[in-house]
Structures are given as structure tokens and as C-alpha cells.
């Protein structure tokens, strides 16, 4: 699998943290552990999903497979340099009338509405994503550890103190990674 070289990863051999960092930087440690016969489990720090990396061959071959090929420039409708993509939207006639009456026209009004909604949802979305990512990570790596069920309940209940206590007995790398990933769930105060 190719991943962006600037993607933040956590890698474990069993419950031992062997690498934490950008994909390109962590690859040497991952490759060394895999070459030594250790089973390596790699996680995307943002999503908590397991990342499947092809570590076969020597380090330079593995690095070559890690870096995605450059994307060919696509031509089509919209403003490609700005990343604008044309798509179909279905609305009621009164919605189209309101949009058409807005300064700048329909597209500008829609972009402003979407940006406003994104700003309003930023805190709750960040908390939800942090909880989901932490849950994925914990389920894959800590599901058999003592306190896992309590940690999971406290993660979704938004109780940082109880979560912190539930993960306290976990191996250092697993505990600190779970705490780091869950930090975004507590920051906005919504729990």
C-alpha cells in the first residue's frame, strides 16, 4: 500500500512501540523489525486504522513502494488549479430562488454555507473523530489488556480521569499512544 510520506504513523511489535513519526521516517524501524521476524502492526495516527505496508525486500525497495506515484493532471469542468469540482446538487425551487438572489450567485452562496457549517462542526467533529480513531487503535492492540472495556466506556462517556486510570496499567507505548490519540476528544470540553 502506498501512503503519503508525511502521514503520521504509530508502529508496534506486539505491545512494544517501535516507531512513531512520519511514514518515511518510521520505515527504517518498521523494516528492521519485520526483517528480524517480528510481527509489525502499523496504525494511521489520524484515523486509528491499521495501515498495511509492503516491507519486502531491502529498505530502498520498501521506500520505493511507500511513495505514491505522482498524479497525472486531470482536465475537466471547474477550476482545477483551485481544486474546484463540478457536481450535481438537487434542491427545491424555493432553495434555488434563495441561492440565486444571494450576492455572488449560487456557487458563492453554497460555498459560504458549507464553510460556515464546517466551522460550527469543527470542535464536535474533531472530538468524534478522535474517539473513533482511539477506539479503533485500542480494539486492535489493547482489546485483551486489563481495563480495555472500562477505557472504552470512559472514552465515549468523555471522562478523561477515568479513561486515564483505566489505561494506567497498559504497556508504556500502548498507554501513551491511546492517551495521545484520545487527547482531541477532551480538548473542546464536550467530552
C-alpha atoms as a PDB file:
ATOM      1  CA  UNK A   1       0.000   0.000   0.000  1.00  0.00           C
ATOM      2  CA  UNK A   2       1.222   3.490  -0.746  1.00  0.00           C
ATOM      3  CA  UNK A   3       0.759   6.171   1.891  1.00  0.00           C
ATOM      4  CA  UNK A   4       1.795   9.796   1.931  1.00  0.00           C
ATOM      5  CA  UNK A   5       5.343  10.040   3.261  1.00  0.00           C
ATOM      6  CA  UNK A   6       4.159  12.798   5.603  1.00  0.00           C
ATOM      7  CA  UNK A   7       1.444  10.623   7.173  1.00  0.00           C
ATOM      8  CA  UNK A   8       1.910  10.200  10.942  1.00  0.00           C
ATOM      9  CA  UNK A   9       2.121   6.531  11.947  1.00  0.00           C
ATOM     10  CA  UNK A  10       2.420   4.502  15.132  1.00  0.00           C
ATOM     11  CA  UNK A  11       4.010   1.061  14.774  1.00  0.00           C
ATOM     12  CA  UNK A  12       4.054  -1.767  17.273  1.00  0.00           C
ATOM     13  CA  UNK A  13       5.705  -5.162  17.577  1.00  0.00           C
ATOM     14  CA  UNK A  14       3.327  -6.828  19.999  1.00  0.00           C
ATOM     15  CA  UNK A  15       2.648  -4.156  22.637  1.00  0.00           C
ATOM     16  CA  UNK A  16       6.045  -2.519  22.163  1.00  0.00           C
ATOM     17  CA  UNK A  17       6.077   0.821  20.355  1.00  0.00           C
ATOM     18  CA  UNK A  18       8.837   0.554  17.741  1.00  0.00           C
ATOM     19  CA  UNK A  19       8.206   3.691  15.690  1.00  0.00           C
ATOM     20  CA  UNK A  20       6.255   6.888  15.897  1.00  0.00           C
ATOM     21  CA  UNK A  21       6.544   9.506  13.217  1.00  0.00           C
ATOM     22  CA  UNK A  22       6.103  10.319   9.579  1.00  0.00           C
ATOM     23  CA  UNK A  23       5.835   7.299   7.298  1.00  0.00           C
ATOM     24  CA  UNK A  24       9.128   7.983   5.506  1.00  0.00           C
ATOM     25  CA  UNK A  25      10.971   8.422   8.821  1.00  0.00           C
ATOM     26  CA  UNK A  26       9.436   5.378  10.535  1.00  0.00           C
ATOM     27  CA  UNK A  27      10.018   2.998   7.650  1.00  0.00           C
ATOM     28  CA  UNK A  28      13.585   2.041   8.667  1.00  0.00           C
ATOM     29  CA  UNK A  29      12.468   0.869  12.123  1.00  0.00           C
ATOM     30  CA  UNK A  30       9.465  -0.971  10.648  1.00  0.00           C
ATOM     31  CA  UNK A  31      11.618  -2.668   8.046  1.00  0.00           C
ATOM     32  CA  UNK A  32      14.235  -3.692  10.629  1.00  0.00           C
ATOM     33  CA  UNK A  33      11.604  -5.211  12.936  1.00  0.00           C
ATOM     34  CA  UNK A  34       9.910  -7.080  10.087  1.00  0.00           C
ATOM     35  CA  UNK A  35      13.276  -8.333   8.807  1.00  0.00           C
ATOM     36  CA  UNK A  36      14.024  -9.641  12.328  1.00  0.00           C
ATOM     37  CA  UNK A  37      10.855 -11.742  12.116  1.00  0.00           C
ATOM     38  CA  UNK A  38       8.689  -9.572  14.361  1.00  0.00           C
ATOM     39  CA  UNK A  39       5.036  -9.068  13.502  1.00  0.00           C
ATOM     40  CA  UNK A  40       4.594  -5.372  12.921  1.00  0.00           C
ATOM     41  CA  UNK A  41       1.266  -3.596  13.267  1.00  0.00           C
ATOM     42  CA  UNK A  42       1.140  -0.048  11.850  1.00  0.00           C
ATOM     43  CA  UNK A  43      -1.588   2.499  12.618  1.00  0.00           C
ATOM     44  CA  UNK A  44      -2.572   5.760  10.945  1.00  0.00           C
ATOM     45  CA  UNK A  45      -2.412   8.256  13.830  1.00  0.00           C
ATOM     46  CA  UNK A  46      -5.310  10.325  12.457  1.00  0.00           C
ATOM     47  CA  UNK A  47      -7.825   7.504  11.933  1.00  0.00           C
ATOM     48  CA  UNK A  48      -6.601   4.656  14.126  1.00  0.00           C
ATOM     49  CA  UNK A  49      -6.878   2.333  11.135  1.00  0.00           C
ATOM     50  CA  UNK A  50      -4.298  -0.352  10.517  1.00  0.00           C
ATOM     51  CA  UNK A  51      -2.032   0.546   7.598  1.00  0.00           C
ATOM     52  CA  UNK A  52      -0.770  -2.345   5.510  1.00  0.00           C
ATOM     53  CA  UNK A  53       2.751  -1.590   4.289  1.00  0.00           C
ATOM     54  CA  UNK A  54       4.732  -3.817   1.951  1.00  0.00           C
ATOM     55  CA  UNK A  55       8.055  -4.225   3.786  1.00  0.00           C
ATOM     56  CA  UNK A  56       9.522  -6.918   1.496  1.00  0.00           C
ATOM     57  CA  UNK A  57      12.982  -6.562   0.007  1.00  0.00           C
ATOM     58  CA  UNK A  58      15.586  -4.112   1.183  1.00  0.00           C
ATOM     59  CA  UNK A  59      14.836  -0.733   2.715  1.00  0.00           C
ATOM     60  CA  UNK A  60      15.151   1.219  -0.544  1.00  0.00           C
ATOM     61  CA  UNK A  61      12.688  -1.130  -2.287  1.00  0.00           C
ATOM     62  CA  UNK A  62      10.215  -0.773   0.585  1.00  0.00           C
ATOM     63  CA  UNK A  63      10.607   3.016   0.487  1.00  0.00           C
ATOM     64  CA  UNK A  64      10.012   2.987  -3.274  1.00  0.00           C
ATOM     65  CA  UNK A  65       6.706   1.190  -2.726  1.00  0.00           C
ATOM     66  CA  UNK A  66       5.749   3.590   0.072  1.00  0.00           C
ATOM     67  CA  UNK A  67       5.904   6.729  -2.036  1.00  0.00           C
ATOM     68  CA  UNK A  68       2.817   7.115  -4.222  1.00  0.00           C
ATOM     69  CA  UNK A  69       3.374   7.816  -7.928  1.00  0.00           C
ATOM     70  CA  UNK A  70       2.710  11.420  -8.954  1.00  0.00           C
ATOM     71  CA  UNK A  71      -0.868  12.043 -10.029  1.00  0.00           C
ATOM     72  CA  UNK A  72      -1.473  12.889 -13.661  1.00  0.00           C
ATOM     73  CA  UNK A  73      -3.042  16.290 -14.185  1.00  0.00           C
ATOM     74  CA  UNK A  74      -6.769  15.924 -14.800  1.00  0.00           C
ATOM     75  CA  UNK A  75      -8.674  18.237 -17.078  1.00  0.00           C
ATOM     76  CA  UNK A  76     -12.379  18.756 -16.735  1.00  0.00           C
ATOM     77  CA  UNK A  77     -15.065  21.197 -15.684  1.00  0.00           C
ATOM     78  CA  UNK A  78     -14.469  23.564 -12.805  1.00  0.00           C
ATOM     79  CA  UNK A  79     -11.363  25.411 -11.755  1.00  0.00           C
ATOM     80  CA  UNK A  80      -8.716  22.688 -11.454  1.00  0.00           C
ATOM     81  CA  UNK A  81      -5.996  24.931 -10.012  1.00  0.00           C
ATOM     82  CA  UNK A  82      -8.293  25.828  -7.134  1.00  0.00           C
ATOM     83  CA  UNK A  83      -9.417  22.241  -6.650  1.00  0.00           C
ATOM     84  CA  UNK A  84     -12.990  23.046  -7.649  1.00  0.00           C
ATOM     85  CA  UNK A  85     -15.038  20.071  -8.789  1.00  0.00           C
ATOM     86  CA  UNK A  86     -18.379  20.348 -10.581  1.00  0.00           C
ATOM     87  CA  UNK A  87     -21.104  18.063  -9.211  1.00  0.00           C
ATOM     88  CA  UNK A  88     -24.867  17.888  -9.331  1.00  0.00           C
ATOM     89  CA  UNK A  89     -26.974  19.277  -6.484  1.00  0.00           C
ATOM     90  CA  UNK A  90     -30.712  18.686  -6.150  1.00  0.00           C
ATOM     91  CA  UNK A  91     -32.736  21.354  -4.328  1.00  0.00           C
ATOM     92  CA  UNK A  92     -36.312  22.518  -4.134  1.00  0.00           C
ATOM     93  CA  UNK A  93     -37.336  25.503  -6.305  1.00  0.00           C
ATOM     94  CA  UNK A  94     -37.513  27.849  -3.295  1.00  0.00           C
ATOM     95  CA  UNK A  95     -33.914  26.904  -2.407  1.00  0.00           C
ATOM     96  CA  UNK A  96     -32.731  27.714  -5.926  1.00  0.00           C
ATOM     97  CA  UNK A  97     -34.578  31.049  -5.802  1.00  0.00           C
ATOM     98  CA  UNK A  98     -32.949  31.980  -2.497  1.00  0.00           C
ATOM     99  CA  UNK A  99     -29.477  30.920  -3.699  1.00  0.00           C
ATOM    100  CA  UNK A 100     -29.845  32.860  -6.948  1.00  0.00           C
ATOM    101  CA  UNK A 101     -30.756  36.020  -5.020  1.00  0.00           C
ATOM    102  CA  UNK A 102     -27.579  35.887  -2.895  1.00  0.00           C
ATOM    103  CA  UNK A 103     -24.624  38.197  -3.640  1.00  0.00           C
ATOM    104  CA  UNK A 104     -22.124  36.395  -5.839  1.00  0.00           C
ATOM    105  CA  UNK A 105     -24.628  33.868  -7.087  1.00  0.00           C
ATOM    106  CA  UNK A 106     -25.423  30.251  -6.318  1.00  0.00           C
ATOM    107  CA  UNK A 107     -21.897  28.836  -6.112  1.00  0.00           C
ATOM    108  CA  UNK A 108     -20.615  31.548  -3.783  1.00  0.00           C
ATOM    109  CA  UNK A 109     -23.637  31.196  -1.501  1.00  0.00           C
ATOM    110  CA  UNK A 110     -23.274  27.422  -1.332  1.00  0.00           C
ATOM    111  CA  UNK A 111     -19.540  27.671  -0.562  1.00  0.00           C
ATOM    112  CA  UNK A 112     -20.247  30.193   2.229  1.00  0.00           C
ATOM    113  CA  UNK A 113     -22.936  27.941   3.731  1.00  0.00           C
ATOM    114  CA  UNK A 114     -20.641  24.912   3.647  1.00  0.00           C
ATOM    115  CA  UNK A 115     -17.704  26.840   5.182  1.00  0.00           C
ATOM    116  CA  UNK A 116     -19.960  28.132   7.962  1.00  0.00           C
ATOM    117  CA  UNK A 117     -21.242  24.622   8.715  1.00  0.00           C
ATOM    118  CA  UNK A 118     -17.670  23.280   8.728  1.00  0.00           C
ATOM    119  CA  UNK A 119     -16.589  25.924  11.258  1.00  0.00           C
ATOM    120  CA  UNK A 120     -19.568  25.221  13.535  1.00  0.00           C
ATOM    121  CA  UNK A 121     -18.982  21.463  13.489  1.00  0.00           C
ATOM    122  CA  UNK A 122     -15.187  21.628  13.827  1.00  0.00           C
ATOM    123  CA  UNK A 123     -14.989  21.005  17.603  1.00  0.00           C
ATOM    124  CA  UNK A 124     -17.600  18.251  17.826  1.00  0.00           C
ATOM    125  CA  UNK A 125     -16.280  16.605  14.639  1.00  0.00           C
ATOM    126  CA  UNK A 126     -12.713  16.657  15.965  1.00  0.00           C
ATOM    127  CA  UNK A 127     -13.860  15.078  19.249  1.00  0.00           C
ATOM    128  CA  UNK A 128     -15.896  12.404  17.444  1.00  0.00           C
ATOM    129  CA  UNK A 129     -13.017  11.562  15.083  1.00  0.00           C
ATOM    130  CA  UNK A 130     -10.555  11.363  17.973  1.00  0.00           C
ATOM    131  CA  UNK A 131     -12.850   8.982  19.859  1.00  0.00           C
ATOM    132  CA  UNK A 132     -13.373   6.791  16.799  1.00  0.00           C
ATOM    133  CA  UNK A 133      -9.645   6.675  15.986  1.00  0.00           C
ATOM    134  CA  UNK A 134      -8.723   5.872  19.581  1.00  0.00           C
ATOM    135  CA  UNK A 135     -11.373   3.163  19.719  1.00  0.00           C
ATOM    136  CA  UNK A 136     -10.044   1.535  16.516  1.00  0.00           C
ATOM    137  CA  UNK A 137      -6.488   1.615  17.849  1.00  0.00           C
ATOM    138  CA  UNK A 138      -7.464   0.258  21.276  1.00  0.00           C
ATOM    139  CA  UNK A 139      -9.608  -2.500  19.810  1.00  0.00           C
ATOM    140  CA  UNK A 140      -6.798  -3.712  17.543  1.00  0.00           C
ATOM    141  CA  UNK A 141      -3.974  -3.528  20.063  1.00  0.00           C
ATOM    142  CA  UNK A 142      -5.397  -3.355  23.580  1.00  0.00           C
ATOM    143  CA  UNK A 143      -8.575  -5.424  23.324  1.00  0.00           C
ATOM    144  CA  UNK A 144      -7.134  -8.145  25.577  1.00  0.00           C
ATOM    145  CA  UNK A 145      -5.497  -5.799  28.083  1.00  0.00           C
ATOM    146  CA  UNK A 146      -6.968  -5.268  31.550  1.00  0.00           C
ATOM    147  CA  UNK A 147      -9.107  -2.156  31.731  1.00  0.00           C
ATOM    148  CA  UNK A 148      -9.916  -2.158  27.991  1.00  0.00           C
ATOM    149  CA  UNK A 149     -13.695  -2.242  28.450  1.00  0.00           C
ATOM    150  CA  UNK A 150     -13.611   0.458  31.120  1.00  0.00           C
ATOM    151  CA  UNK A 151     -11.305   2.612  28.985  1.00  0.00           C
ATOM    152  CA  UNK A 152     -13.672   2.244  26.041  1.00  0.00           C
ATOM    153  CA  UNK A 153     -16.704   3.209  28.126  1.00  0.00           C
ATOM    154  CA  UNK A 154     -14.901   6.220  29.590  1.00  0.00           C
ATOM    155  CA  UNK A 155     -13.625   7.303  26.175  1.00  0.00           C
ATOM    156  CA  UNK A 156     -17.173   7.556  24.834  1.00  0.00           C
ATOM    157  CA  UNK A 157     -18.524   8.946  28.122  1.00  0.00           C
ATOM    158  CA  UNK A 158     -15.970  11.748  27.883  1.00  0.00           C
ATOM    159  CA  UNK A 159     -14.455  11.056  31.316  1.00  0.00           C
ATOM    160  CA  UNK A 160     -10.732  11.804  30.914  1.00  0.00           C
ATOM    161  CA  UNK A 161      -9.836  10.994  34.541  1.00  0.00           C
ATOM    162  CA  UNK A 162     -11.462   7.553  34.468  1.00  0.00           C
ATOM    163  CA  UNK A 163     -10.041   6.853  30.984  1.00  0.00           C
ATOM    164  CA  UNK A 164      -6.571   7.785  32.190  1.00  0.00           C
ATOM    165  CA  UNK A 165      -6.942   5.476  35.213  1.00  0.00           C
ATOM    166  CA  UNK A 166      -8.231   2.593  33.055  1.00  0.00           C
ATOM    167  CA  UNK A 167      -5.193   2.673  30.728  1.00  0.00           C
ATOM    168  CA  UNK A 168      -2.625   3.209  33.510  1.00  0.00           C
ATOM    169  CA  UNK A 169      -1.609  -0.473  33.715  1.00  0.00           C
ATOM    170  CA  UNK A 170      -1.069  -0.864  29.971  1.00  0.00           C
ATOM    171  CA  UNK A 171       2.403  -1.185  28.421  1.00  0.00           C
ATOM    172  CA  UNK A 172       4.049   2.239  28.075  1.00  0.00           C
ATOM    173  CA  UNK A 173       3.791   2.590  24.285  1.00  0.00           C
ATOM    174  CA  UNK A 174       0.170   1.433  24.116  1.00  0.00           C
ATOM    175  CA  UNK A 175      -0.881   3.619  27.072  1.00  0.00           C
ATOM    176  CA  UNK A 176       0.826   6.769  25.815  1.00  0.00           C
ATOM    177  CA  UNK A 177      -0.420   6.279  22.251  1.00  0.00           C
ATOM    178  CA  UNK A 178      -4.015   5.787  23.461  1.00  0.00           C
ATOM    179  CA  UNK A 179      -3.740   8.920  25.613  1.00  0.00           C
ATOM    180  CA  UNK A 180      -2.266  10.926  22.746  1.00  0.00           C
ATOM    181  CA  UNK A 181      -4.917   9.797  20.285  1.00  0.00           C
ATOM    182  CA  UNK A 182      -7.742  10.470  22.762  1.00  0.00           C
ATOM    183  CA  UNK A 183      -6.488  13.971  23.599  1.00  0.00           C
ATOM    184  CA  UNK A 184      -8.569  15.504  20.786  1.00  0.00           C
ATOM    185  CA  UNK A 185     -11.726  14.073  22.362  1.00  0.00           C
ATOM    186  CA  UNK A 186     -11.288  16.124  25.534  1.00  0.00           C
ATOM    187  CA  UNK A 187      -9.952  19.450  24.220  1.00  0.00           C
ATOM    188  CA  UNK A 188     -13.195  21.113  23.236  1.00  0.00           C
ATOM    189  CA  UNK A 189     -14.850  20.451  26.577  1.00  0.00           C
ATOM    190  CA  UNK A 190     -17.738  18.462  25.099  1.00  0.00           C
ATOM    191  CA  UNK A 191     -16.269  15.123  26.187  1.00  0.00           C
END
